[in-house]
């Protein structure tokens, strides 16, 4: 079983998206629970990246592939 934590220090992982703009949620007329859907970003944003919550410079051992957190097999932290 893979544990999803920073392989360098054990801290929690985060997904960070560099973003300049605003997030917009559309409220469904039949379901006001807008928190159940991912918001639509409006503006310029960069690629999402998995980072360490304690130190964004750590090598976490993970990467995002098509929106899924996967092991980064090229990372030396798995050796």
C-alpha atoms as a PDB file:
ATOM      1  CA  UNK A   1       0.000   0.000   0.000  1.00  0.00           C
ATOM      2  CA  UNK A   2       1.370   3.421  -0.970  1.00  0.00           C
ATOM      3  CA  UNK A   3       1.295   6.117   1.708  1.00  0.00           C
ATOM      4  CA  UNK A   4       0.678   9.539   0.161  1.00  0.00           C
ATOM      5  CA  UNK A   5       3.031  11.780   2.121  1.00  0.00           C
ATOM      6  CA  UNK A   6       6.255  13.611   1.337  1.00  0.00           C
ATOM      7  CA  UNK A   7       8.954  10.999   0.849  1.00  0.00           C
ATOM      8  CA  UNK A   8      11.593  13.507   2.011  1.00  0.00           C
ATOM      9  CA  UNK A   9      10.090  14.444   5.393  1.00  0.00           C
ATOM     10  CA  UNK A  10       6.722  12.720   5.878  1.00  0.00           C
ATOM     11  CA  UNK A  11       4.593  15.897   5.755  1.00  0.00           C
ATOM     12  CA  UNK A  12       1.184  16.061   4.097  1.00  0.00           C
ATOM     13  CA  UNK A  13       1.056  16.599   0.343  1.00  0.00           C
ATOM     14  CA  UNK A  14      -0.717  19.490  -1.347  1.00  0.00           C
ATOM     15  CA  UNK A  15      -1.711  20.220  -4.924  1.00  0.00           C
ATOM     16  CA  UNK A  16      -0.759  23.762  -5.844  1.00  0.00           C
ATOM     17  CA  UNK A  17      -1.921  25.636  -8.933  1.00  0.00           C
ATOM     18  CA  UNK A  18      -0.299  28.975  -9.735  1.00  0.00           C
ATOM     19  CA  UNK A  19      -3.264  31.216 -10.442  1.00  0.00           C
ATOM     20  CA  UNK A  20      -4.101  34.804 -11.194  1.00  0.00           C
ATOM     21  CA  UNK A  21      -7.801  35.368 -11.650  1.00  0.00           C
ATOM     22  CA  UNK A  22     -10.910  34.147  -9.895  1.00  0.00           C
ATOM     23  CA  UNK A  23     -12.688  30.874  -9.153  1.00  0.00           C
ATOM     24  CA  UNK A  24     -16.336  30.573 -10.134  1.00  0.00           C
ATOM     25  CA  UNK A  25     -18.871  28.049  -8.832  1.00  0.00           C
ATOM     26  CA  UNK A  26     -22.187  27.663 -10.583  1.00  0.00           C
ATOM     27  CA  UNK A  27     -25.042  26.881  -8.210  1.00  0.00           C
ATOM     28  CA  UNK A  28     -27.293  24.144  -9.545  1.00  0.00           C
ATOM     29  CA  UNK A  29     -30.965  25.132  -9.358  1.00  0.00           C
ATOM     30  CA  UNK A  30     -31.770  21.747  -7.761  1.00  0.00           C
ATOM     31  CA  UNK A  31     -28.690  21.376  -5.542  1.00  0.00           C
ATOM     32  CA  UNK A  32     -27.156  24.371  -3.728  1.00  0.00           C
ATOM     33  CA  UNK A  33     -24.161  22.288  -2.524  1.00  0.00           C
ATOM     34  CA  UNK A  34     -21.622  24.127  -4.661  1.00  0.00           C
ATOM     35  CA  UNK A  35     -18.711  22.655  -2.692  1.00  0.00           C
ATOM     36  CA  UNK A  36     -19.197  19.218  -4.228  1.00  0.00           C
ATOM     37  CA  UNK A  37     -17.869  20.312  -7.641  1.00  0.00           C
ATOM     38  CA  UNK A  38     -14.503  21.695  -8.654  1.00  0.00           C
ATOM     39  CA  UNK A  39     -14.758  25.416  -9.424  1.00  0.00           C
ATOM     40  CA  UNK A  40     -14.096  26.793 -12.888  1.00  0.00           C
ATOM     41  CA  UNK A  41     -10.938  28.931 -12.948  1.00  0.00           C
ATOM     42  CA  UNK A  42     -11.272  32.143 -14.934  1.00  0.00           C
ATOM     43  CA  UNK A  43      -7.978  33.796 -15.669  1.00  0.00           C
ATOM     44  CA  UNK A  44      -4.399  32.712 -16.234  1.00  0.00           C
ATOM     45  CA  UNK A  45      -3.203  29.644 -14.358  1.00  0.00           C
ATOM     46  CA  UNK A  46      -0.271  27.292 -14.550  1.00  0.00           C
ATOM     47  CA  UNK A  47       0.083  23.544 -14.307  1.00  0.00           C
ATOM     48  CA  UNK A  48      -0.987  21.822 -11.077  1.00  0.00           C
ATOM     49  CA  UNK A  49       1.876  20.337  -9.087  1.00  0.00           C
ATOM     50  CA  UNK A  50       2.196  18.063  -6.035  1.00  0.00           C
ATOM     51  CA  UNK A  51       4.226  19.759  -3.295  1.00  0.00           C
ATOM     52  CA  UNK A  52       5.201  19.144   0.322  1.00  0.00           C
ATOM     53  CA  UNK A  53       3.104  21.159   2.791  1.00  0.00           C
ATOM     54  CA  UNK A  54       6.155  21.680   5.034  1.00  0.00           C
ATOM     55  CA  UNK A  55       8.639  22.719   2.337  1.00  0.00           C
ATOM     56  CA  UNK A  56       7.652  23.208  -1.320  1.00  0.00           C
ATOM     57  CA  UNK A  57      11.265  22.600  -2.345  1.00  0.00           C
ATOM     58  CA  UNK A  58      11.269  18.991  -1.088  1.00  0.00           C
ATOM     59  CA  UNK A  59      11.271  16.134  -3.543  1.00  0.00           C
ATOM     60  CA  UNK A  60       7.935  14.524  -2.677  1.00  0.00           C
ATOM     61  CA  UNK A  61       8.259  11.347  -4.762  1.00  0.00           C
ATOM     62  CA  UNK A  62       4.890  11.991  -6.397  1.00  0.00           C
ATOM     63  CA  UNK A  63       3.608  13.758  -9.494  1.00  0.00           C
ATOM     64  CA  UNK A  64       0.248  14.553 -11.075  1.00  0.00           C
ATOM     65  CA  UNK A  65      -0.691  12.573 -14.157  1.00  0.00           C
ATOM     66  CA  UNK A  66      -4.060  13.437 -15.706  1.00  0.00           C
ATOM     67  CA  UNK A  67      -5.379  14.660 -12.348  1.00  0.00           C
ATOM     68  CA  UNK A  68      -4.219  11.600 -10.422  1.00  0.00           C
ATOM     69  CA  UNK A  69      -1.424  11.522  -7.825  1.00  0.00           C
ATOM     70  CA  UNK A  70       1.084   8.881  -8.941  1.00  0.00           C
ATOM     71  CA  UNK A  71       4.528   7.747  -7.809  1.00  0.00           C
ATOM     72  CA  UNK A  72       7.315   9.630  -9.578  1.00  0.00           C
ATOM     73  CA  UNK A  73       9.446   6.654 -10.544  1.00  0.00           C
ATOM     74  CA  UNK A  74      12.245   8.941 -11.765  1.00  0.00           C
ATOM     75  CA  UNK A  75      12.588  10.380  -8.250  1.00  0.00           C
ATOM     76  CA  UNK A  76      15.521   9.084  -6.201  1.00  0.00           C
ATOM     77  CA  UNK A  77      13.483   9.110  -2.977  1.00  0.00           C
ATOM     78  CA  UNK A  78      12.091   5.688  -3.942  1.00  0.00           C
ATOM     79  CA  UNK A  79      15.568   4.079  -4.069  1.00  0.00           C
END
